[in-house]
Protein backbone atom coordinates (compact mmCIF):
# COMPACT_ATOMS: atom_id res chain seq x y z
CA MET A 1 -0.09 -0.05 -0.17
CA GLY A 2 2.91 2.36 0.35
CA THR A 3 3.33 2.53 -3.28
CA LEU A 4 -0.37 3.35 -3.90
CA GLY A 5 -0.09 6.00 -1.41
CA SER A 6 3.06 7.58 -2.88
CA ARG A 7 1.21 7.61 -6.32
CA ARG A 8 -1.62 9.26 -4.88
CA SER A 9 0.32 11.87 -3.29
CA LEU A 10 2.12 12.53 -6.82
CA ALA A 11 -1.42 12.54 -8.35
CA ALA A 12 -2.44 15.25 -5.93
CA LEU A 13 0.39 17.31 -6.61
CA ALA A 14 0.14 17.22 -10.33
CA VAL A 15 -3.50 17.94 -9.97
CA ALA A 16 -2.77 21.13 -7.77
CA VAL A 17 0.15 22.34 -10.44
CA ALA A 18 -2.38 22.10 -12.95
CA VAL A 19 -5.36 23.87 -11.24
CA VAL A 20 -2.71 26.75 -10.43
CA GLY A 21 -1.05 26.79 -13.76
CA GLY A 22 -3.66 26.48 -16.37
CA LEU A 23 -7.04 26.23 -15.02
CA ALA A 24 -7.49 28.75 -12.42
CA GLY A 25 -9.21 31.32 -14.87
CA CYS A 26 -11.71 28.70 -15.88
CA SER A 27 -15.47 28.95 -14.62
CA LYS A 28 -16.06 26.37 -11.89
CA ASP A 29 -18.93 24.88 -14.17
CA GLU A 30 -16.68 24.28 -17.15
CA PHE A 31 -15.44 20.50 -17.76
CA ALA A 32 -13.37 20.21 -20.89
CA ASP A 33 -14.43 17.75 -23.64
CA ARG A 34 -12.30 14.69 -23.88
CA THR A 35 -11.47 14.81 -20.00
CA ALA A 36 -11.97 12.64 -17.13
CA VAL A 37 -11.54 13.31 -13.35
CA VAL A 38 -10.84 10.33 -11.38
CA ALA A 39 -10.90 10.49 -7.56
CA ILE A 40 -9.69 7.57 -5.29
CA GLY A 41 -9.63 8.15 -1.62
CA GLY A 42 -8.95 11.59 -0.96
CA THR A 43 -6.92 12.50 -4.15
CA SER A 44 -8.25 13.37 -7.87
CA GLN A 45 -6.42 13.41 -10.91
CA THR A 46 -7.28 14.59 -14.52
CA TYR A 47 -7.07 12.12 -17.47
CA LYS A 48 -7.46 12.82 -21.21
CA VAL A 49 -9.86 10.71 -22.74
CA SER A 50 -8.43 8.54 -25.51
CA SER A 51 -11.53 6.69 -26.60
CA CYS A 52 -14.91 6.78 -25.58
CA GLY A 53 -18.25 5.74 -27.25
CA LEU A 54 -21.68 4.02 -27.09
CA ASP A 55 -22.23 0.43 -28.39
CA GLY A 56 -25.94 -0.50 -27.95
CA GLN A 57 -26.74 -0.01 -24.15
CA THR A 58 -23.01 0.24 -23.24
CA VAL A 59 -21.00 3.23 -22.65
CA PHE A 60 -17.27 2.86 -22.45
CA VAL A 61 -14.09 5.28 -21.85
CA VAL A 62 -10.39 4.72 -21.91
CA ALA A 63 -8.41 7.71 -20.57
CA ARG A 64 -4.73 8.41 -19.65
CA ALA A 65 -3.11 10.85 -17.12
CA PRO A 66 0.06 12.75 -18.01
CA ASP A 67 1.89 10.46 -15.44
CA GLY A 68 0.92 7.53 -17.39
CA ALA A 69 -2.21 6.47 -15.20
CA VAL A 70 -4.78 4.52 -17.37
CA LEU A 71 -8.59 4.58 -16.83
CA GLN A 72 -10.73 1.83 -18.38
CA GLY A 73 -14.45 2.08 -17.71
CA VAL A 74 -17.81 0.40 -18.89
CA MET A 75 -21.21 1.39 -18.04
CA GLY A 76 -24.54 -0.19 -18.95
CA LEU A 77 -27.63 1.83 -19.58
CA LYS A 78 -31.19 1.19 -19.33
CA LYS A 79 -33.46 1.80 -22.35
CA ASP A 80 -33.88 5.65 -21.52
CA ASP A 81 -30.15 5.95 -22.44
CA LYS A 82 -29.21 7.68 -19.47
CA THR A 83 -29.86 5.66 -16.45
CA GLY A 84 -26.75 3.71 -15.57
CA ILE A 85 -26.88 0.25 -14.30
CA THR A 86 -24.64 -0.28 -11.43
CA GLU A 87 -24.45 -4.15 -11.80
CA SER A 88 -23.68 -3.57 -15.80
CA THR A 89 -20.92 -0.87 -14.82
CA GLY A 90 -17.05 -1.36 -14.03
CA ALA A 91 -13.71 0.09 -13.97
CA THR A 92 -9.88 -0.54 -13.42
CA VAL A 93 -7.40 2.18 -12.92
CA ASP A 94 -4.01 1.43 -13.31
CA LEU A 95 -2.12 4.27 -11.28
CA ASP A 96 1.50 3.03 -12.78
CA PRO A 97 1.06 0.49 -15.53
CA ALA A 98 4.62 -0.45 -15.22
CA SER A 99 3.87 -1.85 -11.68
CA THR A 100 1.50 -4.76 -10.57
CA GLU A 101 0.89 -3.25 -7.29
CA THR A 102 -0.98 0.05 -7.81
CA ARG A 103 -4.07 -1.25 -9.80
CA VAL A 104 -7.51 -0.82 -8.37
CA ALA A 105 -10.84 -2.01 -9.70
CA ALA A 106 -14.69 -1.97 -8.85
CA PHE A 107 -17.29 -3.88 -10.83
CA GLY A 108 -20.91 -4.66 -10.64
CA THR A 109 -21.67 -8.30 -10.75
CA GLU A 110 -23.00 -8.50 -14.42
CA ALA A 111 -19.96 -6.37 -15.72
CA TRP A 112 -17.58 -8.78 -14.09
CA GLU A 113 -19.19 -11.82 -15.40
CA ARG A 114 -19.25 -9.99 -19.02
CA LYS A 115 -15.61 -9.78 -18.50
CA GLY A 116 -15.26 -13.44 -18.32
CA SER A 117 -14.14 -13.40 -14.57
CA THR A 118 -15.48 -15.67 -11.96
CA GLY A 119 -15.79 -15.41 -8.23
CA PRO A 120 -17.10 -12.25 -6.51
CA ALA A 121 -16.56 -8.83 -8.32
CA PRO A 122 -13.73 -6.64 -6.82
CA GLY A 123 -15.10 -3.41 -4.99
CA SER A 124 -18.48 -2.20 -5.81
CA ILE A 125 -20.46 0.30 -7.91
CA THR A 126 -23.00 2.74 -5.98
CA SER A 127 -23.93 5.03 -8.83
CA ALA A 128 -23.88 5.22 -12.49
CA ARG A 129 -25.44 7.74 -15.00
CA LEU A 130 -24.96 9.49 -18.54
CA ARG A 131 -25.61 13.07 -18.02
CA GLY A 132 -25.57 14.56 -21.49
CA SER A 133 -22.03 13.75 -22.76
CA ARG A 134 -20.89 13.18 -19.08
CA ILE A 135 -20.11 9.49 -18.04
CA GLN A 136 -20.35 9.26 -14.32
CA PHE A 137 -20.12 6.54 -11.86
CA ALA A 138 -18.78 5.72 -8.22
CA GLY A 139 -18.51 3.33 -5.85
CA GLU A 140 -15.74 1.52 -3.82
CA ALA A 141 -12.51 0.32 -5.38
CA VAL A 142 -10.07 -2.21 -4.09
CA PRO A 143 -6.41 -2.94 -5.14
CA VAL A 144 -6.42 -5.94 -7.60
CA ASP A 145 -3.63 -7.93 -9.13
CA ALA A 146 -2.82 -8.08 -12.98
CA ASN A 147 -5.88 -10.28 -13.49
CA ASP A 148 -8.13 -8.02 -11.45
CA GLU A 149 -8.28 -10.32 -8.44
CA PRO A 150 -8.74 -8.52 -5.15
CA THR A 151 -5.27 -8.52 -3.34
CA PRO A 152 -5.87 -10.51 0.21
CA ASP A 153 -4.79 -7.38 2.33
CA GLY A 154 -6.49 -4.47 0.11
CA LYS A 155 -8.48 -1.86 1.57
CA ALA A 156 -11.60 -0.57 -0.24
CA GLU A 157 -11.61 3.23 -0.99
CA ARG A 158 -14.31 5.40 -2.34
CA PHE A 159 -13.85 6.24 -5.86
CA SER A 160 -15.63 8.30 -8.79
CA VAL A 161 -15.29 8.93 -12.42
CA ASP A 162 -16.61 11.98 -14.17
CA ALA A 163 -15.72 11.90 -18.04
CA ARG A 164 -16.96 14.09 -20.77
CA CYS A 165 -16.94 12.81 -24.11
CA ASP A 166 -18.65 15.02 -26.72
CA GLU A 167 -17.37 13.43 -29.75
CA VAL A 168 -17.63 9.72 -29.41
CA ASP A 169 -15.58 7.15 -31.11
CA GLY A 170 -16.89 4.10 -33.08
């Protein structure tokens, strides 16, 4: 957990520098297109959306932070095309893709099974919604190994994803 905590401290510093250096003049209501904000525990980091879209009733988003951290998220939608289905939503965040000790995940049961995984889903999803071009979900993420299996001594932490994707891919 020491490595994960260090990565979070660096992420918090990077966010603070970005806010002071470049975003201080922006309106508090602005949220740039192709941007995702991922909060884990007490820190948040801004990511650039690499890919996003809608495939039937499934929304997907892939984003990368300046330090190399990677977000992969999926959210199932009800037929109204805006209400997220928590059981069909999941995410992994590789805080340092070069390490096997800084990956966290949270999945609803259906998303976990659709991924081809067995056993209990790691973490939990407590909310999911599509608000215009904003993909938003939250829950409890847990540390996982390279196969997304929860680590034995991993502690759950609150997480949230808020991604804006005006121009979808695919």
